[in-house]
Amino acid sequence: MEGNVYERSDFYTLFYGNLNLKINDGNMYMNVAGGNDALDATSRDFYKVSRIINKRDAKTGDIYGYLGRLSPSIKYMTAFQKDYFCINQEGEFVIAYEADDLMYVYDQDYKLKYSFGQPGRDMNRDYVELKVDDFEDMLQNERDTKGRYTSLGIANGLVFRTYWTGLPEDKTRLQIYDGTTMIGDVDVPDGFKVLGYIAPYYYTEFICDEEAETMKLYRFKLDR
């Protein structure tokens, strides 16, 4: 195959541990993860070039190409490489990352327009660089003890981003943005992710607890 390795379909697989699907204007977008024997997460070049979203024809499934980059805050191996994306009413991409206080807004041609966002409160952000020879143990410890952003949603013109503090209290919190202005930062249940809006309520995705054999869905109102 021709072209740079990071622009080829054989470099990527669907990011099953972080799979998000959006359809807009006849196109389908999904999270992907890159890497092969020649270029993987142990190389610093990987973090400069690897893409995060593939673009497909929604009818045929044909791949048009790959979009985005890993968070600018990631220079080398960390435990926090997930990204979250939504498409707003203007057809713009809104991208959030696990370890980045900022969210990024791109136009329909995926050109950066602006960024916004406030740091989560009381987050343990003392991230360390993972070592190849102790990768698995370090990865698990980082994800068990450090704060990170955990979801992104857009509903009724508002942006909702959740985060986990990483502190012993294990708090999950929700930031609410009207435009680029944060209008709320509140405690929410673990697994909370805003899915949509049916007046007058905002609704979350189902939160499943297999041990307790429960499925919970939350709805709430906002005074604007």
Protein backbone atom coordinates (compact mmCIF):
# COMPACT_ATOMS: atom_id res chain seq x y z
CA MET A 1 0.00 0.00 0.00
CA GLU A 2 1.12 3.53 -0.75
CA GLY A 3 1.13 6.61 1.44
CA ASN A 4 2.22 7.32 4.98
CA VAL A 5 1.60 4.40 7.31
CA TYR A 6 -0.64 6.47 9.60
CA GLU A 7 -2.97 7.33 6.70
CA ARG A 8 -3.62 3.71 5.69
CA SER A 9 -6.51 1.51 6.77
CA ASP A 10 -4.21 -1.39 7.73
CA PHE A 11 -2.70 0.83 10.46
CA TYR A 12 -5.99 1.17 12.34
CA THR A 13 -8.59 -0.90 14.12
CA LEU A 14 -11.81 0.17 15.77
CA PHE A 15 -11.17 1.33 19.34
CA TYR A 16 -13.52 -1.22 20.93
CA GLY A 17 -12.74 -0.08 24.47
CA ASN A 18 -13.78 3.44 23.55
CA LEU A 19 -16.15 3.02 20.62
CA ASN A 20 -18.35 5.96 19.73
CA LEU A 21 -20.49 6.24 16.59
CA LYS A 22 -21.91 9.38 15.04
CA ILE A 23 -23.71 9.88 11.72
CA ASN A 24 -23.84 13.29 10.09
CA ASP A 25 -24.59 14.45 6.54
CA GLY A 26 -24.38 10.97 5.07
CA ASN A 27 -21.10 10.15 6.78
CA MET A 28 -20.33 7.82 9.68
CA TYR A 29 -17.59 8.50 12.23
CA MET A 30 -16.06 6.03 14.73
CA ASN A 31 -13.14 5.94 17.16
CA VAL A 32 -10.06 4.10 15.96
CA ALA A 33 -6.75 3.09 17.50
CA GLY A 34 -3.54 3.00 15.49
CA GLY A 35 -0.32 1.06 15.60
CA ASN A 36 1.72 -1.65 13.91
CA ASP A 37 5.16 -3.25 14.19
CA ALA A 38 6.81 -0.26 12.52
CA LEU A 39 5.10 2.49 14.53
CA ASP A 40 3.38 1.96 17.88
CA ALA A 41 2.84 3.58 21.27
CA THR A 42 6.46 3.00 22.29
CA SER A 43 7.55 5.52 19.64
CA ARG A 44 7.34 9.26 20.30
CA ASP A 45 6.51 9.81 16.62
CA PHE A 46 3.31 7.82 17.15
CA TYR A 47 1.88 10.59 19.32
CA LYS A 48 2.52 13.18 16.64
CA VAL A 49 0.81 11.43 13.72
CA SER A 50 -1.69 8.78 14.85
CA ARG A 51 -5.34 9.58 14.07
CA ILE A 52 -8.36 8.98 16.30
CA ILE A 53 -11.51 8.93 14.07
CA ASN A 54 -12.33 7.27 10.78
CA LYS A 55 -14.78 8.72 8.28
CA ARG A 56 -16.96 6.36 6.25
CA ASP A 57 -19.80 6.54 3.78
CA ALA A 58 -22.84 5.72 5.95
CA LYS A 59 -24.48 3.68 3.15
CA THR A 60 -21.57 1.72 1.71
CA GLY A 61 -19.15 1.67 4.64
CA ASP A 62 -16.31 2.82 2.39
CA ILE A 63 -13.58 4.63 4.31
CA TYR A 64 -12.88 8.19 3.20
CA GLY A 65 -10.00 8.81 5.57
CA TYR A 66 -8.85 9.43 9.12
CA LEU A 67 -9.24 12.53 11.28
CA GLY A 68 -7.86 14.08 14.43
CA ARG A 69 -4.89 13.53 16.66
CA LEU A 70 -4.21 12.30 20.16
CA SER A 71 -4.42 14.98 22.83
CA PRO A 72 -1.76 17.71 22.56
CA SER A 73 -1.17 17.12 26.28
CA ILE A 74 0.19 13.61 25.58
CA LYS A 75 3.85 13.55 24.62
CA TYR A 76 4.56 9.88 25.29
CA MET A 77 3.06 6.79 26.95
CA THR A 78 0.43 7.57 29.55
CA ALA A 79 -2.52 5.58 30.88
CA PHE A 80 -4.99 8.12 29.48
CA GLN A 81 -5.27 8.07 25.71
CA LYS A 82 -9.04 7.86 25.20
CA ASP A 83 -10.93 10.57 23.36
CA TYR A 84 -14.62 11.45 23.15
CA PHE A 85 -16.32 13.25 20.30
CA CYS A 86 -19.71 14.69 19.43
CA ILE A 87 -21.11 16.56 16.45
CA ASN A 88 -23.10 19.68 17.31
CA GLN A 89 -26.07 21.24 15.52
CA GLU A 90 -23.73 23.21 13.25
CA GLY A 91 -22.02 20.01 12.11
CA GLU A 92 -18.86 20.87 14.04
CA PHE A 93 -16.78 18.26 15.84
CA VAL A 94 -16.34 18.71 19.59
CA ILE A 95 -13.46 16.62 20.95
CA ALA A 96 -12.57 15.89 24.58
CA TYR A 97 -9.73 13.80 25.98
CA GLU A 98 -9.17 11.87 29.21
CA ALA A 99 -6.13 13.88 30.30
CA ASP A 100 -6.75 17.30 28.75
CA ASP A 101 -8.59 20.17 30.47
CA LEU A 102 -9.47 21.68 27.09
CA MET A 103 -12.09 20.62 24.57
CA TYR A 104 -11.54 21.35 20.89
CA VAL A 105 -14.02 22.47 18.24
CA TYR A 106 -13.35 21.71 14.56
CA ASP A 107 -15.33 22.71 11.49
CA GLN A 108 -16.81 20.21 9.02
CA ASP A 109 -13.46 20.03 7.20
CA TYR A 110 -11.81 19.23 10.54
CA LYS A 111 -9.96 22.51 10.85
CA LEU A 112 -9.55 23.80 14.38
CA LYS A 113 -11.80 26.76 15.25
CA TYR A 114 -11.24 27.20 18.98
CA SER A 115 -10.80 25.42 22.30
CA PHE A 116 -12.45 25.88 25.68
CA GLY A 117 -12.80 24.23 29.08
CA GLN A 118 -12.05 24.56 32.77
CA PRO A 119 -10.04 22.07 34.89
CA GLY A 120 -12.10 19.67 36.97
CA ARG A 121 -12.16 20.40 40.68
CA ASP A 122 -9.91 18.42 43.03
CA MET A 123 -8.54 16.14 40.33
CA ASN A 124 -5.42 14.10 41.02
CA ARG A 125 -3.43 14.91 37.88
CA ASP A 126 0.00 13.68 38.95
CA TYR A 127 0.38 11.50 35.85
CA VAL A 128 3.55 9.47 35.26
CA GLU A 129 5.13 8.22 32.07
CA LEU A 130 4.65 4.47 31.63
CA LYS A 131 7.65 2.19 31.24
CA VAL A 132 7.67 -0.58 28.65
CA ASP A 133 9.05 -3.19 31.07
CA ASP A 134 6.39 -2.48 33.72
CA PHE A 135 3.58 -1.32 31.49
CA GLU A 136 0.62 -3.35 32.75
CA ASP A 137 1.15 -2.73 36.47
CA MET A 138 1.79 0.97 35.97
CA LEU A 139 -1.22 1.29 33.67
CA GLN A 140 -3.57 -0.26 36.22
CA ASN A 141 -2.21 1.82 39.09
CA GLU A 142 -2.55 5.04 37.12
CA ARG A 143 -6.15 4.33 36.13
CA ASP A 144 -7.04 3.32 39.68
CA THR A 145 -5.58 6.38 41.37
CA LYS A 146 -5.51 9.33 38.94
CA GLY A 147 -8.28 11.66 37.79
CA ARG A 148 -9.52 11.78 34.21
CA TYR A 149 -12.36 13.04 32.04
CA THR A 150 -14.81 10.23 31.37
CA SER A 151 -17.51 11.28 28.88
CA LEU A 152 -18.76 14.01 26.55
CA GLY A 153 -22.33 14.77 25.53
CA ILE A 154 -24.20 17.52 23.70
CA ALA A 155 -27.91 18.12 24.24
CA ASN A 156 -30.17 21.13 23.69
CA GLY A 157 -27.19 23.30 22.79
CA LEU A 158 -25.26 22.53 25.99
CA VAL A 159 -22.01 20.58 26.40
CA PHE A 160 -21.75 18.03 29.24
CA ARG A 161 -18.41 16.58 30.31
CA THR A 162 -17.97 14.18 33.23
CA TYR A 163 -14.80 13.49 35.15
CA TRP A 164 -13.49 11.33 37.95
CA THR A 165 -11.36 13.00 40.60
CA GLY A 166 -9.03 10.08 41.31
CA LEU A 167 -9.05 10.97 45.00
CA PRO A 168 -9.91 8.48 47.78
CA GLU A 169 -13.51 9.74 47.75
CA ASP A 170 -13.79 8.50 44.13
CA LYS A 171 -16.12 11.34 43.14
CA THR A 172 -17.62 11.63 39.69
CA ARG A 173 -18.57 15.15 38.67
CA LEU A 174 -20.35 16.79 35.74
CA GLN A 175 -19.36 20.04 34.03
CA ILE A 176 -22.02 21.92 32.05
CA TYR A 177 -21.08 24.46 29.37
CA ASP A 178 -23.26 27.01 27.61
CA GLY A 179 -21.10 27.94 24.66
CA THR A 180 -17.61 28.30 26.11
CA THR A 181 -18.85 29.33 29.57
CA MET A 182 -19.05 26.73 32.33
CA ILE A 183 -22.39 27.11 34.13
CA GLY A 184 -22.21 24.11 36.44
CA ASP A 185 -19.86 21.62 38.11
CA VAL A 186 -21.80 19.13 40.25
CA ASP A 187 -21.53 15.67 41.80
CA VAL A 188 -23.23 12.89 39.82
CA PRO A 189 -23.48 9.07 40.10
CA ASP A 190 -20.71 6.92 38.65
CA GLY A 191 -21.31 6.06 34.99
CA PHE A 192 -23.33 9.25 34.42
CA LYS A 193 -23.33 10.30 30.75
CA VAL A 194 -25.79 12.74 29.18
CA LEU A 195 -27.42 11.23 26.10
CA GLY A 196 -30.08 13.68 24.94
CA TYR A 197 -32.92 16.06 25.63
CA ILE A 198 -36.69 15.60 25.47
CA ALA A 199 -38.34 18.71 26.85
CA PRO A 200 -38.27 19.49 29.67
CA TYR A 201 -35.74 16.83 30.72
CA TYR A 202 -32.15 15.87 29.93
CA TYR A 203 -31.62 12.10 29.90
CA THR A 204 -28.58 9.93 30.59
CA GLU A 205 -27.51 6.62 29.13
CA PHE A 206 -28.40 3.50 31.11
CA ILE A 207 -26.03 2.72 33.97
CA CYS A 208 -25.77 -1.05 34.37
CA ASP A 209 -24.66 -2.85 37.54
CA GLU A 210 -24.31 -6.56 36.83
CA GLU A 211 -23.67 -7.53 40.43
CA ALA A 212 -26.75 -5.71 41.70
CA GLU A 213 -28.67 -6.69 38.55
CA THR A 214 -29.91 -3.12 38.05
CA MET A 215 -30.22 -0.67 35.17
CA LYS A 216 -30.67 2.99 36.01
CA LEU A 217 -31.49 5.96 33.82
CA TYR A 218 -31.47 9.51 35.16
CA ARG A 219 -33.34 12.58 33.98
CA PHE A 220 -32.98 16.13 35.19
CA LYS A 221 -34.01 19.71 34.47
CA LEU A 222 -31.92 22.85 34.14
CA ASP A 223 -33.10 26.40 34.74
CA ARG A 224 -31.70 28.58 31.95
